[in-house]
Amino acid sequence: NRLPKNHKFLLGDRITTGLYDILDGLLTARYSSEKLLQLESLNIKLEILRYQTRLLFDFNLIATERYEYIQKLINEIGTELGSWIKQQKHKCYLT
């Protein structure tokens, strides 16, 4: 179940790019008047990141402990993002 080298590096690049996209999106959403749409888009990107890191694990490219640590961090971001989305939906409902 080894991933060919070119796929391994492609997946690594996509994960890195995805992380930067999420960071950029969080900062953009912070100052945006249309937060909810951006936050929901970021939630999708975070879900993609979850699956990409799972691929790393499934192809034995990262150790179990490292995978668990990465998933813990992703889940923490997801919890914060989910709370922010919930807050924005509540805010839209009130207006």
N, C-alpha and C. Protein backbone atom coordinates (compact mmCIF):
# COMPACT_ATOMS: atom_id res chain seq x y z
N ASN A 1 0.81 -1.21 0.00
CA ASN A 1 0.00 0.00 0.00
C ASN A 1 0.85 1.27 0.00
N ARG A 2 1.95 1.24 -0.68
CA ARG A 2 2.79 2.43 -0.75
C ARG A 2 2.32 3.29 -1.91
N LEU A 3 2.36 4.56 -1.67
CA LEU A 3 1.97 5.54 -2.68
C LEU A 3 3.19 5.88 -3.52
N PRO A 4 3.06 5.92 -4.84
CA PRO A 4 4.21 6.33 -5.66
C PRO A 4 4.72 7.70 -5.24
N LYS A 5 6.02 7.89 -5.41
CA LYS A 5 6.68 9.11 -4.94
C LYS A 5 6.02 10.38 -5.45
N ASN A 6 5.68 10.42 -6.74
CA ASN A 6 5.07 11.63 -7.30
C ASN A 6 3.71 11.93 -6.65
N HIS A 7 2.95 10.88 -6.32
CA HIS A 7 1.66 11.09 -5.66
C HIS A 7 1.85 11.54 -4.22
N LYS A 8 2.87 10.99 -3.58
CA LYS A 8 3.16 11.36 -2.19
C LYS A 8 3.47 12.84 -2.10
N PHE A 9 4.31 13.34 -2.99
CA PHE A 9 4.66 14.75 -2.96
C PHE A 9 3.49 15.63 -3.38
N LEU A 10 2.69 15.17 -4.32
CA LEU A 10 1.50 15.91 -4.73
C LEU A 10 0.53 16.05 -3.56
N LEU A 11 0.30 14.97 -2.85
CA LEU A 11 -0.59 15.00 -1.69
C LEU A 11 -0.03 15.94 -0.62
N GLY A 12 1.27 15.87 -0.38
CA GLY A 12 1.90 16.77 0.59
C GLY A 12 1.73 18.23 0.20
N ASP A 13 1.91 18.52 -1.08
CA ASP A 13 1.72 19.89 -1.57
C ASP A 13 0.28 20.34 -1.41
N ARG A 14 -0.65 19.46 -1.71
CA ARG A 14 -2.08 19.82 -1.57
C ARG A 14 -2.45 20.09 -0.12
N ILE A 15 -1.91 19.29 0.78
CA ILE A 15 -2.18 19.49 2.20
C ILE A 15 -1.61 20.82 2.66
N THR A 16 -0.38 21.10 2.26
CA THR A 16 0.25 22.37 2.64
C THR A 16 -0.52 23.55 2.07
N THR A 17 -0.89 23.48 0.80
CA THR A 17 -1.66 24.54 0.17
C THR A 17 -3.01 24.70 0.87
N GLY A 18 -3.65 23.58 1.20
CA GLY A 18 -4.93 23.62 1.90
C GLY A 18 -4.83 24.31 3.24
N LEU A 19 -3.74 24.03 3.96
CA LEU A 19 -3.54 24.69 5.26
C LEU A 19 -3.41 26.19 5.11
N TYR A 20 -2.64 26.62 4.11
CA TYR A 20 -2.49 28.06 3.87
C TYR A 20 -3.81 28.68 3.42
N ASP A 21 -4.57 27.96 2.61
CA ASP A 21 -5.88 28.46 2.17
C ASP A 21 -6.82 28.64 3.36
N ILE A 22 -6.78 27.70 4.28
CA ILE A 22 -7.63 27.80 5.48
C ILE A 22 -7.19 28.99 6.32
N LEU A 23 -5.90 29.15 6.51
CA LEU A 23 -5.40 30.30 7.28
C LEU A 23 -5.81 31.61 6.63
N ASP A 24 -5.60 31.72 5.31
CA ASP A 24 -6.01 32.93 4.58
C ASP A 24 -7.50 33.17 4.73
N GLY A 25 -8.29 32.11 4.59
CA GLY A 25 -9.73 32.23 4.68
C GLY A 25 -10.21 32.67 6.05
N LEU A 26 -9.58 32.16 7.09
CA LEU A 26 -9.95 32.56 8.45
C LEU A 26 -9.68 34.04 8.68
N LEU A 27 -8.55 34.50 8.20
CA LEU A 27 -8.22 35.92 8.36
C LEU A 27 -9.13 36.80 7.52
N THR A 28 -9.45 36.35 6.31
CA THR A 28 -10.36 37.10 5.45
C THR A 28 -11.75 37.16 6.07
N ALA A 29 -12.23 36.03 6.57
CA ALA A 29 -13.56 35.98 7.18
C ALA A 29 -13.66 36.89 8.40
N ARG A 30 -12.58 36.98 9.12
CA ARG A 30 -12.58 37.82 10.33
C ARG A 30 -12.97 39.26 10.03
N TYR A 31 -12.55 39.76 8.87
CA TYR A 31 -12.80 41.15 8.52
C TYR A 31 -13.89 41.33 7.47
N SER A 32 -14.55 40.24 7.10
CA SER A 32 -15.56 40.29 6.05
C SER A 32 -16.95 40.58 6.62
N SER A 33 -17.76 41.24 5.80
CA SER A 33 -19.16 41.44 6.21
C SER A 33 -20.00 40.21 5.87
N GLU A 34 -19.52 39.37 4.96
CA GLU A 34 -20.21 38.14 4.55
C GLU A 34 -19.49 36.92 5.14
N LYS A 35 -19.43 36.86 6.44
CA LYS A 35 -18.67 35.82 7.12
C LYS A 35 -19.20 34.41 6.88
N LEU A 36 -20.51 34.25 6.93
CA LEU A 36 -21.10 32.92 6.91
C LEU A 36 -20.71 32.12 5.65
N LEU A 37 -20.81 32.74 4.49
CA LEU A 37 -20.46 32.03 3.25
C LEU A 37 -19.00 31.61 3.26
N GLN A 38 -18.14 32.48 3.71
CA GLN A 38 -16.71 32.16 3.75
C GLN A 38 -16.42 31.06 4.76
N LEU A 39 -17.08 31.12 5.90
CA LEU A 39 -16.85 30.11 6.94
C LEU A 39 -17.33 28.74 6.49
N GLU A 40 -18.46 28.69 5.79
CA GLU A 40 -18.96 27.41 5.30
C GLU A 40 -18.02 26.83 4.24
N SER A 41 -17.46 27.70 3.41
CA SER A 41 -16.47 27.26 2.42
C SER A 41 -15.22 26.72 3.12
N LEU A 42 -14.80 27.38 4.18
CA LEU A 42 -13.65 26.92 4.95
C LEU A 42 -13.93 25.57 5.62
N ASN A 43 -15.14 25.37 6.03
CA ASN A 43 -15.52 24.10 6.64
C ASN A 43 -15.35 22.95 5.66
N ILE A 44 -15.69 23.19 4.41
CA ILE A 44 -15.51 22.19 3.35
C ILE A 44 -14.02 21.92 3.15
N LYS A 45 -13.22 22.98 3.11
CA LYS A 45 -11.77 22.81 2.94
C LYS A 45 -11.17 22.03 4.10
N LEU A 46 -11.67 22.25 5.29
CA LEU A 46 -11.19 21.52 6.45
C LEU A 46 -11.55 20.04 6.34
N GLU A 47 -12.73 19.75 5.83
CA GLU A 47 -13.14 18.36 5.64
C GLU A 47 -12.26 17.67 4.60
N ILE A 48 -11.92 18.39 3.54
CA ILE A 48 -11.00 17.85 2.54
C ILE A 48 -9.65 17.54 3.18
N LEU A 49 -9.18 18.44 4.03
CA LEU A 49 -7.91 18.24 4.73
C LEU A 49 -7.97 16.98 5.61
N ARG A 50 -9.10 16.74 6.24
CA ARG A 50 -9.27 15.52 7.04
C ARG A 50 -9.06 14.27 6.19
N TYR A 51 -9.67 14.27 5.01
CA TYR A 51 -9.55 13.11 4.13
C TYR A 51 -8.14 12.98 3.57
N GLN A 52 -7.51 14.09 3.27
CA GLN A 52 -6.14 14.03 2.75
C GLN A 52 -5.18 13.46 3.79
N THR A 53 -5.33 13.88 5.03
CA THR A 53 -4.45 13.33 6.07
C THR A 53 -4.77 11.85 6.31
N ARG A 54 -6.01 11.48 6.14
CA ARG A 54 -6.37 10.07 6.27
C ARG A 54 -5.68 9.24 5.19
N LEU A 55 -5.57 9.81 3.99
CA LEU A 55 -4.85 9.11 2.92
C LEU A 55 -3.39 8.88 3.30
N LEU A 56 -2.76 9.90 3.90
CA LEU A 56 -1.38 9.73 4.35
C LEU A 56 -1.27 8.54 5.30
N PHE A 57 -2.20 8.45 6.21
CA PHE A 57 -2.20 7.36 7.18
C PHE A 57 -2.49 6.02 6.50
N ASP A 58 -3.49 5.99 5.64
CA ASP A 58 -3.87 4.74 4.97
C ASP A 58 -2.74 4.17 4.12
N PHE A 59 -1.92 5.04 3.56
CA PHE A 59 -0.80 4.59 2.74
C PHE A 59 0.49 4.46 3.54
N ASN A 60 0.34 4.44 4.86
CA ASN A 60 1.48 4.25 5.77
C ASN A 60 2.59 5.28 5.57
N LEU A 61 2.19 6.51 5.28
CA LEU A 61 3.16 7.58 5.09
C LEU A 61 3.39 8.37 6.37
N ILE A 62 2.52 8.19 7.36
CA ILE A 62 2.72 8.78 8.68
C ILE A 62 2.36 7.74 9.74
N ALA A 63 3.00 7.87 10.89
CA ALA A 63 2.76 6.94 12.00
C ALA A 63 1.40 7.21 12.64
N THR A 64 0.90 6.21 13.34
CA THR A 64 -0.41 6.32 14.00
C THR A 64 -0.44 7.50 14.96
N GLU A 65 0.60 7.65 15.77
CA GLU A 65 0.64 8.74 16.75
C GLU A 65 0.58 10.10 16.07
N ARG A 66 1.32 10.22 14.99
CA ARG A 66 1.34 11.50 14.26
C ARG A 66 -0.03 11.78 13.64
N TYR A 67 -0.65 10.75 13.08
CA TYR A 67 -1.99 10.90 12.49
C TYR A 67 -2.99 11.34 13.55
N GLU A 68 -2.94 10.70 14.72
CA GLU A 68 -3.86 11.06 15.80
C GLU A 68 -3.65 12.50 16.24
N TYR A 69 -2.41 12.92 16.31
CA TYR A 69 -2.11 14.30 16.71
C TYR A 69 -2.64 15.29 15.68
N ILE A 70 -2.42 14.99 14.40
CA ILE A 70 -2.90 15.86 13.32
C ILE A 70 -4.42 15.95 13.36
N GLN A 71 -5.09 14.81 13.53
CA GLN A 71 -6.55 14.80 13.58
C GLN A 71 -7.07 15.58 14.78
N LYS A 72 -6.35 15.50 15.89
CA LYS A 72 -6.74 16.26 17.08
C LYS A 72 -6.70 17.75 16.78
N LEU A 73 -5.64 18.20 16.11
CA LEU A 73 -5.52 19.62 15.76
C LEU A 73 -6.61 20.03 14.77
N ILE A 74 -6.86 19.20 13.77
CA ILE A 74 -7.90 19.50 12.79
C ILE A 74 -9.26 19.56 13.47
N ASN A 75 -9.51 18.66 14.39
CA ASN A 75 -10.79 18.66 15.12
C ASN A 75 -10.95 19.91 15.97
N GLU A 76 -9.86 20.37 16.57
CA GLU A 76 -9.92 21.61 17.36
C GLU A 76 -10.27 22.80 16.47
N ILE A 77 -9.65 22.86 15.30
CA ILE A 77 -9.98 23.93 14.35
C ILE A 77 -11.44 23.80 13.94
N GLY A 78 -11.88 22.57 13.67
CA GLY A 78 -13.27 22.32 13.28
C GLY A 78 -14.27 22.74 14.34
N THR A 79 -13.92 22.50 15.59
CA THR A 79 -14.80 22.90 16.69
C THR A 79 -14.94 24.41 16.75
N GLU A 80 -13.81 25.10 16.65
CA GLU A 80 -13.84 26.57 16.66
C GLU A 80 -14.60 27.12 15.46
N LEU A 81 -14.33 26.54 14.30
CA LEU A 81 -14.99 26.97 13.07
C LEU A 81 -16.50 26.71 13.16
N GLY A 82 -16.87 25.54 13.66
CA GLY A 82 -18.29 25.22 13.82
C GLY A 82 -19.00 26.18 14.76
N SER A 83 -18.32 26.57 15.82
CA SER A 83 -18.91 27.54 16.76
C SER A 83 -19.10 28.89 16.09
N TRP A 84 -18.13 29.29 15.30
CA TRP A 84 -18.20 30.57 14.59
C TRP A 84 -19.35 30.54 13.60
N ILE A 85 -19.49 29.43 12.87
CA ILE A 85 -20.59 29.29 11.91
C ILE A 85 -21.94 29.36 12.63
N LYS A 86 -22.04 28.65 13.73
CA LYS A 86 -23.28 28.66 14.52
C LYS A 86 -23.62 30.07 14.98
N GLN A 87 -22.61 30.80 15.43
CA GLN A 87 -22.81 32.19 15.87
C GLN A 87 -23.32 33.05 14.72
N GLN A 88 -22.72 32.89 13.54
CA GLN A 88 -23.11 33.69 12.39
C GLN A 88 -24.52 33.34 11.92
N LYS A 89 -24.88 32.07 11.97
CA LYS A 89 -26.24 31.67 11.59
C LYS A 89 -27.25 32.27 12.56
N HIS A 90 -26.92 32.26 13.83
CA HIS A 90 -27.79 32.85 14.85
C HIS A 90 -27.93 34.35 14.61
N LYS A 91 -26.82 34.98 14.26
CA LYS A 91 -26.82 36.42 13.99
C LYS A 91 -27.69 36.74 12.78
N CYS A 92 -27.61 35.90 11.73
CA CYS A 92 -28.44 36.10 10.53
C CYS A 92 -29.91 35.89 10.85
N TYR A 93 -30.19 34.94 11.72
CA TYR A 93 -31.56 34.63 12.10
C TYR A 93 -32.19 35.81 12.85
N LEU A 94 -31.38 36.49 13.66
CA LEU A 94 -31.89 37.61 14.46
C LEU A 94 -32.12 38.87 13.63
N THR A 95 -31.42 39.00 12.51
CA THR A 95 -31.57 40.22 11.71
C THR A 95 -32.60 40.08 10.63
